[in-house]
C-alpha atoms as a PDB file:
ATOM      1  CA  MET A   1      -0.010   0.066  -0.088  1.00  0.00           C
ATOM      2  CA  GLY A   2       1.018   2.795  -1.187  1.00  0.00           C
ATOM      3  CA  CYS A   3       1.464   6.293   1.359  1.00  0.00           C
ATOM      4  CA  ASN A   4      -0.622   9.596   0.212  1.00  0.00           C
ATOM      5  CA  ARG A   5       2.205  12.382   0.675  1.00  0.00           C
ATOM      6  CA  THR A   6      -1.230  14.239   2.094  1.00  0.00           C
ATOM      7  CA  ASP A   7      -1.089  11.934   5.319  1.00  0.00           C
ATOM      8  CA  SER A   8       1.692  13.798   7.565  1.00  0.00           C
ATOM      9  CA  LEU A   9       0.703  17.830   6.384  1.00  0.00           C
ATOM     10  CA  SER A  10      -0.833  19.553   9.385  1.00  0.00           C
ATOM     11  CA  CYS A  11      -4.243  21.500   8.401  1.00  0.00           C
ATOM     12  CA  ASP A  12      -2.041  25.039   7.784  1.00  0.00           C
ATOM     13  CA  GLU A  13      -0.110  23.065   5.187  1.00  0.00           C
ATOM     14  CA  LEU A  14      -3.148  21.670   3.885  1.00  0.00           C
ATOM     15  CA  ASP A  15      -4.658  24.627   3.155  1.00  0.00           C
ATOM     16  CA  MET A  16      -1.544  26.222   1.811  1.00  0.00           C
ATOM     17  CA  ALA A  17      -0.696  23.425  -0.482  1.00  0.00           C
ATOM     18  CA  MET A  18      -4.845  23.856  -1.706  1.00  0.00           C
ATOM     19  CA  ARG A  19      -3.849  27.617  -1.722  1.00  0.00           C
ATOM     20  CA  ASP A  20      -0.437  27.637  -3.762  1.00  0.00           C
ATOM     21  CA  TRP A  21      -2.409  24.928  -6.022  1.00  0.00           C
ATOM     22  CA  LEU A  22      -4.817  26.945  -6.934  1.00  0.00           C
ATOM     23  CA  LYS A  23      -3.475  30.003  -7.532  1.00  0.00           C
ATOM     24  CA  SER A  24      -0.940  28.431  -9.826  1.00  0.00           C
ATOM     25  CA  HIS A  25      -4.047  27.558 -12.211  1.00  0.00           C
ATOM     26  CA  ARG A  26      -5.378  30.473 -13.208  1.00  0.00           C
ATOM     27  CA  SER A  27      -3.631  31.117 -16.614  1.00  0.00           C
ATOM     28  CA  CYS A  28      -5.272  30.466 -19.831  1.00  0.00           C
ATOM     29  CA  ALA A  29      -5.886  31.288 -23.524  1.00  0.00           C
ATOM     30  CA  VAL A  30      -9.775  31.659 -23.867  1.00  0.00           C
ATOM     31  CA  ASP A  31     -12.417  31.970 -22.325  1.00  0.00           C
ATOM     32  CA  ALA A  32     -13.654  27.887 -22.539  1.00  0.00           C
ATOM     33  CA  ASP A  33     -10.269  27.479 -20.464  1.00  0.00           C
ATOM     34  CA  CYS A  34     -11.885  28.818 -17.224  1.00  0.00           C
ATOM     35  CA  THR A  35     -13.835  27.697 -14.735  1.00  0.00           C
ATOM     36  CA  ILE A  36     -15.305  27.562 -11.166  1.00  0.00           C
ATOM     37  CA  THR A  37     -13.025  25.325  -8.631  1.00  0.00           C
ATOM     38  CA  VAL A  38     -14.617  25.045  -5.154  1.00  0.00           C
ATOM     39  CA  THR A  39     -13.714  23.135  -2.179  1.00  0.00           C
ATOM     40  CA  GLY A  40     -16.392  22.163  -0.459  1.00  0.00           C
ATOM     41  CA  CYS A  41     -15.852  23.723   2.873  1.00  0.00           C
ATOM     42  CA  ALA A  42     -12.095  22.809   2.613  1.00  0.00           C
ATOM     43  CA  THR A  43     -10.486  26.659   2.461  1.00  0.00           C
ATOM     44  CA  THR A  44     -11.291  29.829   1.473  1.00  0.00           C
ATOM     45  CA  ALA A  45     -12.536  28.191  -1.663  1.00  0.00           C
ATOM     46  CA  ASP A  46     -15.543  27.768  -0.179  1.00  0.00           C
ATOM     47  CA  CYS A  47     -17.612  28.972  -2.703  1.00  0.00           C
ATOM     48  CA  GLY A  48     -15.306  29.030  -5.817  1.00  0.00           C
ATOM     49  CA  VAL A  49     -12.483  30.447  -7.241  1.00  0.00           C
ATOM     50  CA  PHE A  50     -11.833  31.192 -11.244  1.00  0.00           C
ATOM     51  CA  THR A  51      -9.113  28.759 -12.245  1.00  0.00           C
ATOM     52  CA  ASN A  52      -8.671  26.979 -15.277  1.00  0.00           C
ATOM     53  CA  ARG A  53      -9.645  23.483 -15.847  1.00  0.00           C
ATOM     54  CA  SER A  54      -6.631  21.401 -14.875  1.00  0.00           C
ATOM     55  CA  ALA A  55      -6.995  22.578 -11.170  1.00  0.00           C
ATOM     56  CA  SER A  56      -9.406  19.910 -10.448  1.00  0.00           C
ATOM     57  CA  GLY A  57      -8.538  16.050 -10.454  1.00  0.00           C
ATOM     58  CA  PRO A  58      -6.569  13.812  -8.058  1.00  0.00           C
ATOM     59  CA  TYR A  59      -4.368  16.117  -6.395  1.00  0.00           C
ATOM     60  CA  LEU A  60      -6.409  18.700  -5.308  1.00  0.00           C
ATOM     61  CA  SER A  61      -8.926  16.244  -4.595  1.00  0.00           C
ATOM     62  CA  SER A  62      -6.429  14.543  -2.108  1.00  0.00           C
ATOM     63  CA  LEU A  63      -5.600  17.799  -0.537  1.00  0.00           C
ATOM     64  CA  VAL A  64      -9.847  18.420   0.425  1.00  0.00           C
ATOM     65  CA  GLU A  65     -10.420  14.676   1.769  1.00  0.00           C
ATOM     66  CA  ALA A  66      -7.210  15.211   3.805  1.00  0.00           C
ATOM     67  CA  PHE A  67      -8.459  18.617   5.568  1.00  0.00           C
ATOM     68  CA  LYS A  68     -11.583  17.182   6.027  1.00  0.00           C
ATOM     69  CA  LYS A  69     -10.524  13.656   7.358  1.00  0.00           C
ATOM     70  CA  ARG A  70      -8.468  15.887  10.019  1.00  0.00           C
ATOM     71  CA  ARG A  71     -11.491  18.177  10.570  1.00  0.00           C
ATOM     72  CA  CYS A  72      -9.339  21.248   9.694  1.00  0.00           C
ATOM     73  CA  ARG A  73     -12.476  23.204  10.112  1.00  0.00           C
ATOM     74  CA  GLY A  74     -13.500  22.381  13.431  1.00  0.00           C
ATOM     75  CA  ASP A  75     -17.145  23.076  14.106  1.00  0.00           C
ATOM     76  CA  SER A  76     -17.061  25.868  11.908  1.00  0.00           C
ATOM     77  CA  SER A  77     -20.101  25.666   9.286  1.00  0.00           C
ATOM     78  CA  CYS A  78     -20.103  26.494   5.697  1.00  0.00           C
ATOM     79  CA  PRO A  79     -20.828  29.684   3.881  1.00  0.00           C
ATOM     80  CA  ARG A  80     -24.122  30.088   1.591  1.00  0.00           C
ATOM     81  CA  CYS A  81     -22.762  30.804  -1.528  1.00  0.00           C
ATOM     82  CA  GLU A  82     -24.605  32.479  -4.182  1.00  0.00           C
ATOM     83  CA  ALA A  83     -24.466  31.629  -7.835  1.00  0.00           C
ATOM     84  CA  PRO A  84     -20.786  31.678  -9.217  1.00  0.00           C
ATOM     85  CA  PRO A  85     -20.668  34.508 -11.713  1.00  0.00           C
ATOM     86  CA  PRO A  86     -19.766  33.834 -15.055  1.00  0.00           C
ATOM     87  CA  THR A  87     -15.944  33.339 -15.958  1.00  0.00           C
ATOM     88  CA  ALA A  88     -13.434  34.714 -18.362  1.00  0.00           C
ATOM     89  CA  CYS A  89     -10.011  34.832 -19.894  1.00  0.00           C
ATOM     90  CA  GLU A  90      -8.874  38.380 -18.876  1.00  0.00           C
ATOM     91  CA  ASP A  91      -5.661  38.954 -20.081  1.00  0.00           C
ATOM     92  CA  GLY A  92      -4.437  35.615 -19.700  1.00  0.00           C
ATOM     93  CA  VAL A  93      -6.078  34.823 -16.448  1.00  0.00           C
ATOM     94  CA  CYS A  94      -9.083  33.004 -15.588  1.00  0.00           C
ATOM     95  CA  SER A  95     -11.184  35.967 -13.387  1.00  0.00           C
ATOM     96  CA  GLU A  96     -14.791  36.777 -13.556  1.00  0.00           C
ATOM     97  CA  ALA A  97     -16.016  37.800 -16.605  1.00  0.00           C
ATOM     98  CA  ARG A  98     -16.859  41.786 -17.538  1.00  0.00           C
ATOM     99  CA  LYS A  99     -20.069  42.918 -17.648  1.00  0.00           C
ATOM    100  CA  ALA A 100     -20.670  44.328 -21.382  1.00  0.00           C
ATOM    101  CA  ALA A 101     -20.528  48.091 -21.221  1.00  0.00           C
ATOM    102  CA  ALA A 102     -23.913  49.783 -22.554  1.00  0.00           C
ATOM    103  CA  HIS A 103     -24.462  51.724 -25.568  1.00  0.00           C
END
């Protein structure tokens, strides 16, 4: 049986690893590259953060699961999230789509 490298991380280290991972996955070429990635009450990305589509996957999932397994959030409840805004690739970075200017 293999050892998951997230097993030895503290709650603070897991939180920082998730933040760093999400921050490093914001580049894009076109609007379709972008999405909102949600960590499901695992960190400040509870309600989602603008990332490219490659942010989600086994590594992020392992961090989220380890964070939840350790109950790093304590007894804090998850925030209520509103509908996510549209995403766009703005100057090579995934972000909220700018509203079209009224003419």
